Protein backbone atom coordinates (compact mmCIF):
# COMPACT_ATOMS: atom_id res chain seq x y z
CA MET A 1 -13.96 4.16 -6.70
CA SER A 2 -16.72 5.31 -4.38
CA THR A 3 -18.50 3.08 -1.89
CA PRO A 4 -21.58 1.60 -3.54
CA THR A 5 -24.99 2.48 -2.20
CA GLN A 6 -27.29 -0.21 -0.84
CA THR A 7 -29.31 -0.01 -4.06
CA GLU A 8 -26.17 -0.53 -6.16
CA ILE A 9 -25.19 -3.53 -4.02
CA GLU A 10 -28.67 -5.02 -4.48
CA LEU A 11 -28.58 -4.45 -8.25
CA GLN A 12 -25.11 -5.99 -8.49
CA ALA A 13 -26.27 -9.00 -6.48
CA ALA A 14 -29.34 -9.38 -8.71
CA ALA A 15 -27.19 -9.20 -11.85
CA PHE A 16 -24.83 -11.82 -10.41
CA ARG A 17 -27.74 -14.13 -9.55
CA ARG A 18 -29.04 -13.74 -13.11
CA LEU A 19 -25.59 -14.57 -14.53
CA GLN A 20 -25.45 -17.59 -12.23
CA LYS A 21 -28.90 -18.77 -13.37
CA HIS A 22 -28.01 -18.18 -17.02
CA LEU A 23 -24.89 -20.33 -16.79
CA MET A 24 -26.44 -22.96 -14.53
CA GLN A 25 -29.88 -23.38 -16.09
CA ASP A 26 -30.20 -21.52 -19.38
CA ARG A 27 -26.82 -22.36 -20.95
CA PRO A 28 -25.25 -25.39 -19.29
CA ASP A 29 -24.09 -26.34 -22.80
CA VAL A 30 -21.52 -23.55 -22.79
CA GLN A 31 -18.23 -25.19 -21.91
CA ASN A 32 -15.99 -23.71 -19.22
CA ILE A 33 -12.95 -24.03 -21.46
CA ASP A 34 -14.65 -21.93 -24.16
CA MET A 35 -15.62 -19.30 -21.59
CA MET A 36 -12.07 -19.16 -20.26
CA ASN A 37 -10.55 -18.98 -23.72
CA LEU A 38 -12.90 -16.19 -24.83
CA THR A 39 -13.44 -14.17 -21.66
CA GLY A 40 -10.64 -15.03 -19.27
CA PHE A 41 -12.99 -16.49 -16.66
CA CYS A 42 -15.31 -19.46 -16.28
CA ARG A 43 -17.72 -21.02 -13.81
CA ASN A 44 -14.79 -22.23 -11.70
CA CYS A 45 -13.46 -18.67 -11.51
CA LEU A 46 -16.86 -17.39 -10.42
CA SER A 47 -17.10 -20.03 -7.71
CA ARG A 48 -13.55 -19.19 -6.57
CA TRP A 49 -14.42 -15.49 -6.40
CA TYR A 50 -17.49 -16.43 -4.35
CA GLN A 51 -15.30 -18.46 -1.99
CA GLU A 52 -12.81 -15.59 -1.70
CA ALA A 53 -15.62 -13.12 -0.90
CA ALA A 54 -16.83 -15.47 1.84
CA ALA A 55 -13.31 -15.75 3.28
CA GLU A 56 -12.98 -11.94 3.33
CA ARG A 57 -16.05 -11.93 5.56
CA GLY A 58 -14.75 -14.65 7.86
CA ILE A 59 -16.94 -17.38 6.38
CA GLU A 60 -15.16 -20.69 5.88
CA MET A 61 -16.02 -22.34 2.60
CA GLY A 62 -14.20 -25.08 0.76
CA LYS A 63 -13.59 -25.14 -2.97
CA GLU A 64 -16.07 -27.97 -3.58
CA GLU A 65 -18.75 -26.28 -1.48
CA ALA A 66 -18.34 -23.05 -3.44
CA ARG A 67 -18.51 -24.90 -6.74
CA GLU A 68 -21.62 -26.81 -5.68
CA LEU A 69 -23.31 -23.56 -4.69
CA PHE A 70 -22.48 -22.11 -8.08
CA TYR A 71 -23.09 -25.17 -10.26
CA GLY A 72 -26.16 -26.39 -8.40
CA MET A 73 -24.62 -29.87 -8.16
CA THR A 74 -21.29 -31.51 -7.46
CA MET A 75 -18.48 -30.94 -9.91
CA ASP A 76 -18.47 -34.65 -10.82
CA ALA A 77 -22.21 -34.51 -11.59
CA TRP A 78 -21.72 -31.36 -13.68
CA LYS A 79 -18.89 -32.92 -15.67
CA SER A 80 -20.79 -36.13 -16.38
CA THR A 81 -23.94 -34.22 -17.35
CA HIS A 82 -22.63 -31.19 -19.24
CA GLN A 83 -18.89 -31.29 -19.95
CA THR A 84 -17.54 -32.44 -23.28
CA ASP A 85 -13.97 -33.44 -24.12
CA ALA A 86 -11.75 -30.50 -25.01
CA THR A 87 -9.93 -30.46 -28.32
CA GLY A 88 -6.19 -29.99 -28.54
CA ALA A 89 -6.70 -26.45 -29.82
CA GLN A 90 -8.99 -25.64 -26.87
CA GLN A 91 -6.43 -27.03 -24.43
CA GLU A 92 -3.62 -24.96 -25.96
CA ALA A 93 -5.73 -21.78 -25.88
CA PHE A 94 -6.63 -22.57 -22.27
CA LYS A 95 -2.97 -22.64 -21.23
CA THR A 96 -2.58 -19.09 -22.51
CA ALA A 97 -5.89 -17.85 -21.09
CA PHE A 98 -5.14 -19.37 -17.68
CA ALA A 99 -1.66 -17.88 -17.54
CA GLU A 100 -2.92 -14.44 -18.56
CA ASN A 101 -5.97 -14.37 -16.28
CA VAL A 102 -5.62 -16.74 -13.36
CA GLY A 103 -1.93 -17.37 -13.00
CA LYS A 104 -0.91 -13.71 -12.73
CA ASP A 105 -2.09 -13.03 -9.14
């Protein structure tokens, strides 16, 4: 893979910001568990990747700080405002999705 140009970096950053806005403002109704079960990642994964990118650059950032930057509010506020209870089927699918996508590092 070649080193991205400055323009490519800017376009990638713009696309990420649009994804962030979409999940934070346009579609807060989409549940993390459904995202994880269908795509293998969710908002928490995105915030973790953000935190990891910061760490690679020597920037200290805690898990909650990264989540708040990505969610636009604390995790507790997000859960009370947007999160619904997961069904048993969703929870079972999540176990598989998590193991296949997050637990394999």
